[in-house]
Amino acid sequence: MDIGPERRGKRDRAADPPVIPFRQFFATAAVPCPYVAGRDERKLIVELTGRAAPEFYDELSRAGFRRSHRFAYRPACRACAACVPVRIAVERFAHSRSTRRVRNLNGALTGRLLAPRATPEQFALFAAYQRSRHCDSDMAAMSYADYRGMVEDSAVRTAIVEIREPGGALVAASLIDRLDDGISAVYSFYDPTHHRRSLGTWCILWLVEECRRAGLAYVYLGYWIAESPKMAYKARFPALERLADGRWVPFAEG
């Protein structure tokens, strides 16, 4: 049966593979490093656009890239390799004494994986966290519109996790990207008045369990920097891997 030229055209176009746009990488100008005093920071960046952006970012994540809005980036600093990409290998993860303590402290909390939509409730928590933990950073001056852009301006598979008390109070949140082999933890924030509960660590533990539920292999944590106290907590996670010479190896190897 002849389906007609118009319907044949629609069928043929639907069968065409997605067009992968040309990708051009750029190096930024050097600026003072926010993590290591006395050093400069440069980044290699590429825009994430088009239907193929999620798959492209899957590959970039395995190569040590991170995401901000519609750009992926990784450090490209001259004479400095302090930023080390790290991830948790979920299959090998077993609780340590410290992570078990955090799990027990927060066992009553519940988490929900939601569409990336900013809310005033999230922003109030985000602003309180910034004032308490990072009052001298640019993020402390972010408006609600800025926060909304951070959450919603994405070309990949982004979501937000809300962590709540049994009574419903929002105590922590994590902006995440879903990858084909895991979850990338983009940014987490929490109620600073609950500092003894290690809610930042709890957010990562929740993502480990979410990967297990979904059959995913890794939780990507971004960069570990030995000279930065703010990054020290990442080295304490069991089953940690680092990217070295183009391959992922156990964190303590070498």
C-alpha atoms as a PDB file:
ATOM      1  CA  MET A   1       0.000   0.000   0.000  1.00  0.00           C
ATOM      2  CA  ASP A   2       1.354   3.388  -0.973  1.00  0.00           C
ATOM      3  CA  ILE A   3       1.364   5.632   2.113  1.00  0.00           C
ATOM      4  CA  GLY A   4       1.799   8.775   0.033  1.00  0.00           C
ATOM      5  CA  PRO A   5       4.778  11.101  -0.356  1.00  0.00           C
ATOM      6  CA  GLU A   6       3.924  13.267   2.681  1.00  0.00           C
ATOM      7  CA  ARG A   7       3.701  10.312   5.110  1.00  0.00           C
ATOM      8  CA  ARG A   8       6.795   8.670   3.568  1.00  0.00           C
ATOM      9  CA  GLY A   9       8.706  11.889   4.212  1.00  0.00           C
ATOM     10  CA  LYS A  10       7.643  11.935   7.868  1.00  0.00           C
ATOM     11  CA  ARG A  11       8.594   8.285   8.288  1.00  0.00           C
ATOM     12  CA  ASP A  12      12.010   8.802   6.680  1.00  0.00           C
ATOM     13  CA  ARG A  13      12.762  11.872   8.787  1.00  0.00           C
ATOM     14  CA  ALA A  14      11.765  10.050  11.980  1.00  0.00           C
ATOM     15  CA  ALA A  15      14.226   7.272  11.152  1.00  0.00           C
ATOM     16  CA  ASP A  16      17.138   9.693  10.707  1.00  0.00           C
ATOM     17  CA  PRO A  17      19.714   9.664  13.539  1.00  0.00           C
ATOM     18  CA  PRO A  18      20.066  12.866  15.585  1.00  0.00           C
ATOM     19  CA  VAL A  19      22.437  15.418  14.130  1.00  0.00           C
ATOM     20  CA  ILE A  20      25.462  15.886  16.373  1.00  0.00           C
ATOM     21  CA  PRO A  21      26.517  19.536  16.239  1.00  0.00           C
ATOM     22  CA  PHE A  22      30.113  20.610  15.818  1.00  0.00           C
ATOM     23  CA  ARG A  23      31.734  20.958  19.252  1.00  0.00           C
ATOM     24  CA  GLN A  24      34.285  23.674  19.834  1.00  0.00           C
ATOM     25  CA  PHE A  25      36.253  23.886  23.061  1.00  0.00           C
ATOM     26  CA  PHE A  26      37.542  27.158  24.503  1.00  0.00           C
ATOM     27  CA  ALA A  27      40.119  27.980  27.175  1.00  0.00           C
ATOM     28  CA  THR A  28      39.212  30.755  29.617  1.00  0.00           C
ATOM     29  CA  ALA A  29      41.537  33.526  30.733  1.00  0.00           C
ATOM     30  CA  ALA A  30      43.459  32.953  33.959  1.00  0.00           C
ATOM     31  CA  VAL A  31      41.780  34.159  37.175  1.00  0.00           C
ATOM     32  CA  PRO A  32      42.779  33.720  40.842  1.00  0.00           C
ATOM     33  CA  CYS A  33      42.100  30.155  41.988  1.00  0.00           C
ATOM     34  CA  PRO A  34      39.268  29.961  44.561  1.00  0.00           C
ATOM     35  CA  TYR A  35      40.732  26.814  46.154  1.00  0.00           C
ATOM     36  CA  VAL A  36      44.529  27.197  46.323  1.00  0.00           C
ATOM     37  CA  ALA A  37      45.943  30.564  47.362  1.00  0.00           C
ATOM     38  CA  GLY A  38      48.532  32.122  45.086  1.00  0.00           C
ATOM     39  CA  ARG A  39      47.597  30.115  42.006  1.00  0.00           C
ATOM     40  CA  ASP A  40      45.638  30.956  38.868  1.00  0.00           C
ATOM     41  CA  GLU A  41      42.752  28.978  37.431  1.00  0.00           C
ATOM     42  CA  ARG A  42      41.988  28.329  33.760  1.00  0.00           C
ATOM     43  CA  LYS A  43      39.216  26.138  32.376  1.00  0.00           C
ATOM     44  CA  LEU A  44      38.510  24.269  29.183  1.00  0.00           C
ATOM     45  CA  ILE A  45      34.826  24.762  28.350  1.00  0.00           C
ATOM     46  CA  VAL A  46      32.357  23.570  25.739  1.00  0.00           C
ATOM     47  CA  GLU A  47      28.689  24.420  25.225  1.00  0.00           C
ATOM     48  CA  LEU A  48      26.102  21.682  25.661  1.00  0.00           C
ATOM     49  CA  THR A  49      23.493  22.124  22.929  1.00  0.00           C
ATOM     50  CA  GLY A  50      21.157  20.096  20.785  1.00  0.00           C
ATOM     51  CA  ARG A  51      19.462  16.724  21.149  1.00  0.00           C
ATOM     52  CA  ALA A  52      22.795  14.933  21.512  1.00  0.00           C
ATOM     53  CA  ALA A  53      23.887  17.036  24.512  1.00  0.00           C
ATOM     54  CA  PRO A  54      23.039  14.391  27.173  1.00  0.00           C
ATOM     55  CA  GLU A  55      25.034  11.662  25.408  1.00  0.00           C
ATOM     56  CA  PHE A  56      27.916  14.054  24.782  1.00  0.00           C
ATOM     57  CA  TYR A  57      27.965  14.969  28.456  1.00  0.00           C
ATOM     58  CA  ASP A  58      27.983  11.290  29.442  1.00  0.00           C
ATOM     59  CA  GLU A  59      31.327  10.977  27.660  1.00  0.00           C
ATOM     60  CA  LEU A  60      32.646  14.256  29.044  1.00  0.00           C
ATOM     61  CA  SER A  61      31.863  13.163  32.613  1.00  0.00           C
ATOM     62  CA  ARG A  62      34.001  10.064  32.159  1.00  0.00           C
ATOM     63  CA  ALA A  63      36.785  12.396  30.993  1.00  0.00           C
ATOM     64  CA  GLY A  64      36.601  14.502  34.157  1.00  0.00           C
ATOM     65  CA  PHE A  65      34.321  17.332  33.030  1.00  0.00           C
ATOM     66  CA  ARG A  66      31.694  19.031  35.187  1.00  0.00           C
ATOM     67  CA  ARG A  67      28.649  21.114  34.254  1.00  0.00           C
ATOM     68  CA  SER A  68      27.485  24.655  34.986  1.00  0.00           C
ATOM     69  CA  HIS A  69      24.282  25.794  33.252  1.00  0.00           C
ATOM     70  CA  ARG A  70      24.693  24.862  29.566  1.00  0.00           C
ATOM     71  CA  PHE A  71      28.471  24.498  29.650  1.00  0.00           C
ATOM     72  CA  ALA A  72      30.772  21.635  30.539  1.00  0.00           C
ATOM     73  CA  TYR A  73      34.207  22.466  31.890  1.00  0.00           C
ATOM     74  CA  ARG A  74      37.358  20.983  33.343  1.00  0.00           C
ATOM     75  CA  PRO A  75      40.511  22.611  34.760  1.00  0.00           C
ATOM     76  CA  ALA A  76      43.227  23.465  32.242  1.00  0.00           C
ATOM     77  CA  CYS A  77      45.736  25.152  34.538  1.00  0.00           C
ATOM     78  CA  ARG A  78      49.376  25.616  33.562  1.00  0.00           C
ATOM     79  CA  ALA A  79      51.841  23.891  35.885  1.00  0.00           C
ATOM     80  CA  CYS A  80      49.076  22.730  38.253  1.00  0.00           C
ATOM     81  CA  ALA A  81      47.142  19.472  38.448  1.00  0.00           C
ATOM     82  CA  ALA A  82      45.668  19.901  41.928  1.00  0.00           C
ATOM     83  CA  CYS A  83      42.064  19.260  40.806  1.00  0.00           C
ATOM     84  CA  VAL A  84      41.557  15.494  40.705  1.00  0.00           C
ATOM     85  CA  PRO A  85      38.246  14.105  39.324  1.00  0.00           C
ATOM     86  CA  VAL A  86      36.778  11.535  41.732  1.00  0.00           C
ATOM     87  CA  ARG A  87      33.790   9.196  41.776  1.00  0.00           C
ATOM     88  CA  ILE A  88      32.352   6.464  44.014  1.00  0.00           C
ATOM     89  CA  ALA A  89      32.197   2.949  42.550  1.00  0.00           C
ATOM     90  CA  VAL A  90      28.764   1.937  43.825  1.00  0.00           C
ATOM     91  CA  GLU A  91      29.178  -1.842  43.512  1.00  0.00           C
ATOM     92  CA  ARG A  92      32.263  -1.762  45.774  1.00  0.00           C
ATOM     93  CA  PHE A  93      30.840   0.727  48.270  1.00  0.00           C
ATOM     94  CA  ALA A  94      30.586  -0.567  51.854  1.00  0.00           C
ATOM     95  CA  HIS A  95      29.905   1.707  54.797  1.00  0.00           C
ATOM     96  CA  SER A  96      32.811   2.824  56.937  1.00  0.00           C
ATOM     97  CA  ARG A  97      32.421   3.640  60.604  1.00  0.00           C
ATOM     98  CA  SER A  98      31.924   7.349  59.811  1.00  0.00           C
ATOM     99  CA  THR A  99      29.410   6.871  56.982  1.00  0.00           C
ATOM    100  CA  ARG A 100      27.463   4.377  59.101  1.00  0.00           C
ATOM    101  CA  ARG A 101      27.237   7.013  61.829  1.00  0.00           C
ATOM    102  CA  VAL A 102      25.849   9.541  59.328  1.00  0.00           C
ATOM    103  CA  ARG A 103      23.359   6.973  58.040  1.00  0.00           C
ATOM    104  CA  ASN A 104      22.142   6.238  61.547  1.00  0.00           C
ATOM    105  CA  LEU A 105      21.809   9.925  62.421  1.00  0.00           C
ATOM    106  CA  ASN A 106      19.647  10.612  59.370  1.00  0.00           C
ATOM    107  CA  GLY A 107      17.705   7.398  58.917  1.00  0.00           C
ATOM    108  CA  ALA A 108      14.353   9.152  59.456  1.00  0.00           C
ATOM    109  CA  LEU A 109      14.911  11.537  56.539  1.00  0.00           C
ATOM    110  CA  THR A 110      13.247  10.904  53.186  1.00  0.00           C
ATOM    111  CA  GLY A 111      14.482  11.940  49.754  1.00  0.00           C
ATOM    112  CA  ARG A 112      12.580  12.581  46.523  1.00  0.00           C
ATOM    113  CA  LEU A 113      14.028  12.901  43.035  1.00  0.00           C
ATOM    114  CA  LEU A 114      12.182  15.749  41.303  1.00  0.00           C
ATOM    115  CA  ALA A 115      12.149  17.651  38.027  1.00  0.00           C
ATOM    116  CA  PRO A 116      14.619  20.577  37.992  1.00  0.00           C
ATOM    117  CA  ARG A 117      12.281  23.341  39.136  1.00  0.00           C
ATOM    118  CA  ALA A 118      13.419  26.021  41.558  1.00  0.00           C
ATOM    119  CA  THR A 119      11.157  26.910  44.473  1.00  0.00           C
ATOM    120  CA  PRO A 120      11.253  29.723  47.060  1.00  0.00           C
ATOM    121  CA  GLU A 121      11.592  27.065  49.760  1.00  0.00           C
ATOM    122  CA  GLN A 122      14.734  25.667  48.144  1.00  0.00           C
ATOM    123  CA  PHE A 123      16.165  29.149  47.665  1.00  0.00           C
ATOM    124  CA  ALA A 124      15.628  30.079  51.325  1.00  0.00           C
ATOM    125  CA  LEU A 125      17.622  26.988  52.316  1.00  0.00           C
ATOM    126  CA  PHE A 126      20.282  27.708  49.681  1.00  0.00           C
ATOM    127  CA  ALA A 127      20.689  31.321  50.867  1.00  0.00           C
ATOM    128  CA  ALA A 128      20.971  30.273  54.525  1.00  0.00           C
ATOM    129  CA  TYR A 129      23.619  27.715  53.594  1.00  0.00           C
ATOM    130  CA  GLN A 130      25.630  30.267  51.598  1.00  0.00           C
ATOM    131  CA  ARG A 131      25.516  32.845  54.392  1.00  0.00           C
ATOM    132  CA  SER A 132      26.728  30.274  56.899  1.00  0.00           C
ATOM    133  CA  ARG A 133      29.313  28.327  54.897  1.00  0.00           C
ATOM    134  CA  HIS A 134      30.429  30.490  51.962  1.00  0.00           C
ATOM    135  CA  CYS A 135      29.656  34.089  52.892  1.00  0.00           C
ATOM    136  CA  ASP A 136      32.691  35.404  50.958  1.00  0.00           C
ATOM    137  CA  SER A 137      31.860  33.617  47.693  1.00  0.00           C
ATOM    138  CA  ASP A 138      30.008  34.903  44.631  1.00  0.00           C
ATOM    139  CA  MET A 139      27.245  32.365  45.267  1.00  0.00           C
ATOM    140  CA  ALA A 140      26.352  34.113  48.532  1.00  0.00           C
ATOM    141  CA  ALA A 141      25.145  37.091  46.481  1.00  0.00           C
ATOM    142  CA  MET A 142      22.922  35.051  44.151  1.00  0.00           C
ATOM    143  CA  SER A 143      19.334  36.225  43.706  1.00  0.00           C
ATOM    144  CA  TYR A 144      16.340  33.939  43.273  1.00  0.00           C
ATOM    145  CA  ALA A 145      16.622  34.481  39.514  1.00  0.00           C
ATOM    146  CA  ASP A 146      20.276  33.385  39.656  1.00  0.00           C
ATOM    147  CA  TYR A 147      19.355  30.301  41.663  1.00  0.00           C
ATOM    148  CA  ARG A 148      16.557  29.465  39.255  1.00  0.00           C
ATOM    149  CA  GLY A 149      19.026  29.651  36.367  1.00  0.00           C
ATOM    150  CA  MET A 150      21.415  27.308  38.180  1.00  0.00           C
ATOM    151  CA  VAL A 151      18.658  24.710  38.642  1.00  0.00           C
ATOM    152  CA  GLU A 152      16.676  25.025  35.426  1.00  0.00           C
ATOM    153  CA  ASP A 153      19.155  26.136  32.733  1.00  0.00           C
ATOM    154  CA  SER A 154      20.348  22.741  31.554  1.00  0.00           C
ATOM    155  CA  ALA A 155      20.534  20.856  28.272  1.00  0.00           C
ATOM    156  CA  VAL A 156      21.111  17.460  29.919  1.00  0.00           C
ATOM    157  CA  ARG A 157      19.170  15.092  32.210  1.00  0.00           C
ATOM    158  CA  THR A 158      19.086  17.277  35.320  1.00  0.00           C
ATOM    159  CA  ALA A 159      17.022  16.716  38.468  1.00  0.00           C
ATOM    160  CA  ILE A 160      16.913  17.945  42.054  1.00  0.00           C
ATOM    161  CA  VAL A 161      16.740  15.840  45.196  1.00  0.00           C
ATOM    162  CA  GLU A 162      14.827  17.219  48.184  1.00  0.00           C
ATOM    163  CA  ILE A 163      15.634  15.723  51.603  1.00  0.00           C
ATOM    164  CA  ARG A 164      12.927  16.251  54.244  1.00  0.00           C
ATOM    165  CA  GLU A 165      12.281  15.616  57.908  1.00  0.00           C
ATOM    166  CA  PRO A 166       9.346  13.331  58.839  1.00  0.00           C
ATOM    167  CA  GLY A 167       7.311  16.468  59.542  1.00  0.00           C
ATOM    168  CA  GLY A 168       7.970  17.792  56.036  1.00  0.00           C
ATOM    169  CA  ALA A 169      10.687  20.403  56.682  1.00  0.00           C
ATOM    170  CA  LEU A 170      13.231  20.712  53.867  1.00  0.00           C
ATOM    171  CA  VAL A 171      16.705  20.202  55.372  1.00  0.00           C
ATOM    172  CA  ALA A 172      18.894  19.439  52.336  1.00  0.00           C
ATOM    173  CA  ALA A 173      18.859  19.407  48.542  1.00  0.00           C
ATOM    174  CA  SER A 174      21.131  18.200  45.756  1.00  0.00           C
ATOM    175  CA  LEU A 175      21.196  19.364  42.156  1.00  0.00           C
ATOM    176  CA  ILE A 176      22.222  16.350  40.079  1.00  0.00           C
ATOM    177  CA  ASP A 177      22.717  15.229  36.487  1.00  0.00           C
ATOM    178  CA  ARG A 178      21.658  11.730  35.462  1.00  0.00           C
ATOM    179  CA  LEU A 179      24.271   9.992  33.292  1.00  0.00           C
ATOM    180  CA  ASP A 180      24.188   6.704  31.416  1.00  0.00           C
ATOM    181  CA  ASP A 181      26.503   5.138  34.010  1.00  0.00           C
ATOM    182  CA  GLY A 182      25.622   7.037  37.167  1.00  0.00           C
ATOM    183  CA  ILE A 183      24.752  10.331  38.808  1.00  0.00           C
ATOM    184  CA  SER A 184      26.813  13.495  38.843  1.00  0.00           C
ATOM    185  CA  ALA A 185      26.427  15.492  42.060  1.00  0.00           C
ATOM    186  CA  VAL A 186      26.427  19.078  40.761  1.00  0.00           C
ATOM    187  CA  TYR A 187      25.773  21.000  43.984  1.00  0.00           C
ATOM    188  CA  SER A 188      24.382  20.188  47.435  1.00  0.00           C
ATOM    189  CA  PHE A 189      23.235  22.503  50.218  1.00  0.00           C
ATOM    190  CA  TYR A 190      21.601  21.988  53.581  1.00  0.00           C
ATOM    191  CA  ASP A 191      20.329  23.586  56.768  1.00  0.00           C
ATOM    192  CA  PRO A 192      23.452  24.949  58.505  1.00  0.00           C
ATOM    193  CA  THR A 193      21.824  24.682  61.942  1.00  0.00           C
ATOM    194  CA  HIS A 194      22.018  20.862  61.584  1.00  0.00           C
ATOM    195  CA  HIS A 195      25.815  20.831  61.270  1.00  0.00           C
ATOM    196  CA  ARG A 196      26.269  17.815  63.577  1.00  0.00           C
ATOM    197  CA  ARG A 197      24.235  15.597  61.258  1.00  0.00           C
ATOM    198  CA  SER A 198      26.720  15.820  58.331  1.00  0.00           C
ATOM    199  CA  LEU A 199      23.893  16.431  55.879  1.00  0.00           C
ATOM    200  CA  GLY A 200      26.306  17.056  53.005  1.00  0.00           C
ATOM    201  CA  THR A 201      27.667  13.542  53.447  1.00  0.00           C
ATOM    202  CA  TRP A 202      24.116  12.216  53.795  1.00  0.00           C
ATOM    203  CA  CYS A 203      23.207  13.696  50.392  1.00  0.00           C
ATOM    204  CA  ILE A 204      26.030  11.709  48.789  1.00  0.00           C
ATOM    205  CA  LEU A 205      25.021   8.526  50.623  1.00  0.00           C
ATOM    206  CA  TRP A 206      21.470   8.991  49.366  1.00  0.00           C
ATOM    207  CA  LEU A 207      22.805   9.229  45.791  1.00  0.00           C
ATOM    208  CA  VAL A 208      24.795   6.008  46.286  1.00  0.00           C
ATOM    209  CA  GLU A 209      21.582   4.223  47.277  1.00  0.00           C
ATOM    210  CA  GLU A 210      19.685   5.819  44.383  1.00  0.00           C
ATOM    211  CA  CYS A 211      22.319   4.460  41.985  1.00  0.00           C
ATOM    212  CA  ARG A 212      21.877   1.024  43.522  1.00  0.00           C
ATOM    213  CA  ARG A 213      18.115   1.226  43.054  1.00  0.00           C
ATOM    214  CA  ALA A 214      18.568   2.255  39.417  1.00  0.00           C
ATOM    215  CA  GLY A 215      21.393  -0.166  38.610  1.00  0.00           C
ATOM    216  CA  LEU A 216      23.914   2.612  37.954  1.00  0.00           C
ATOM    217  CA  ALA A 217      27.624   2.232  38.583  1.00  0.00           C
ATOM    218  CA  TYR A 218      29.014   5.574  39.803  1.00  0.00           C
ATOM    219  CA  VAL A 219      28.397   8.745  41.785  1.00  0.00           C
ATOM    220  CA  TYR A 220      30.577  11.491  40.297  1.00  0.00           C
ATOM    221  CA  LEU A 221      31.718  13.933  42.992  1.00  0.00           C
ATOM    222  CA  GLY A 222      33.631  16.513  40.970  1.00  0.00           C
ATOM    223  CA  TYR A 223      37.151  17.462  42.033  1.00  0.00           C
ATOM    224  CA  TRP A 224      39.191  16.573  45.088  1.00  0.00           C
ATOM    225  CA  ILE A 225      41.972  19.026  45.946  1.00  0.00           C
ATOM    226  CA  ALA A 226      44.528  17.992  48.553  1.00  0.00           C
ATOM    227  CA  GLU A 227      45.343  21.608  49.474  1.00  0.00           C
ATOM    228  CA  SER A 228      41.702  22.596  49.967  1.00  0.00           C
ATOM    229  CA  PRO A 229      40.073  21.842  53.353  1.00  0.00           C
ATOM    230  CA  LYS A 230      36.650  22.326  51.705  1.00  0.00           C
ATOM    231  CA  MET A 231      37.332  19.302  49.481  1.00  0.00           C
ATOM    232  CA  ALA A 232      38.833  17.028  52.148  1.00  0.00           C
ATOM    233  CA  TYR A 233      35.536  15.244  52.888  1.00  0.00           C
ATOM    234  CA  LYS A 234      35.501  13.554  49.476  1.00  0.00           C
ATOM    235  CA  ALA A 235      38.552  11.445  50.301  1.00  0.00           C
ATOM    236  CA  ARG A 236      36.676   9.840  53.196  1.00  0.00           C
ATOM    237  CA  PHE A 237      34.128   8.016  51.029  1.00  0.00           C
ATOM    238  CA  PRO A 238      34.696   4.272  50.599  1.00  0.00           C
ATOM    239  CA  ALA A 239      35.228   2.835  47.088  1.00  0.00           C
ATOM    240  CA  LEU A 240      36.526   6.164  45.777  1.00  0.00           C
ATOM    241  CA  GLU A 241      38.176   6.312  42.354  1.00  0.00           C
ATOM    242  CA  ARG A 242      40.226   9.071  40.720  1.00  0.00           C
ATOM    243  CA  LEU A 243      40.976   9.894  37.102  1.00  0.00           C
ATOM    244  CA  ALA A 244      44.709   9.572  36.431  1.00  0.00           C
ATOM    245  CA  ASP A 245      46.386   9.569  33.014  1.00  0.00           C
ATOM    246  CA  GLY A 246      43.079   9.013  31.271  1.00  0.00           C
ATOM    247  CA  ARG A 247      41.866   6.055  33.331  1.00  0.00           C
ATOM    248  CA  TRP A 248      39.894   5.635  36.539  1.00  0.00           C
ATOM    249  CA  VAL A 249      41.862   3.924  39.330  1.00  0.00           C
ATOM    250  CA  PRO A 250      41.279   3.329  43.053  1.00  0.00           C
ATOM    251  CA  PHE A 251      41.837   6.586  44.909  1.00  0.00           C
ATOM    252  CA  ALA A 252      44.746   5.255  46.983  1.00  0.00           C
ATOM    253  CA  GLU A 253      46.500   3.582  44.045  1.00  0.00           C
ATOM    254  CA  GLY A 254      49.911   4.923  43.115  1.00  0.00           C
END
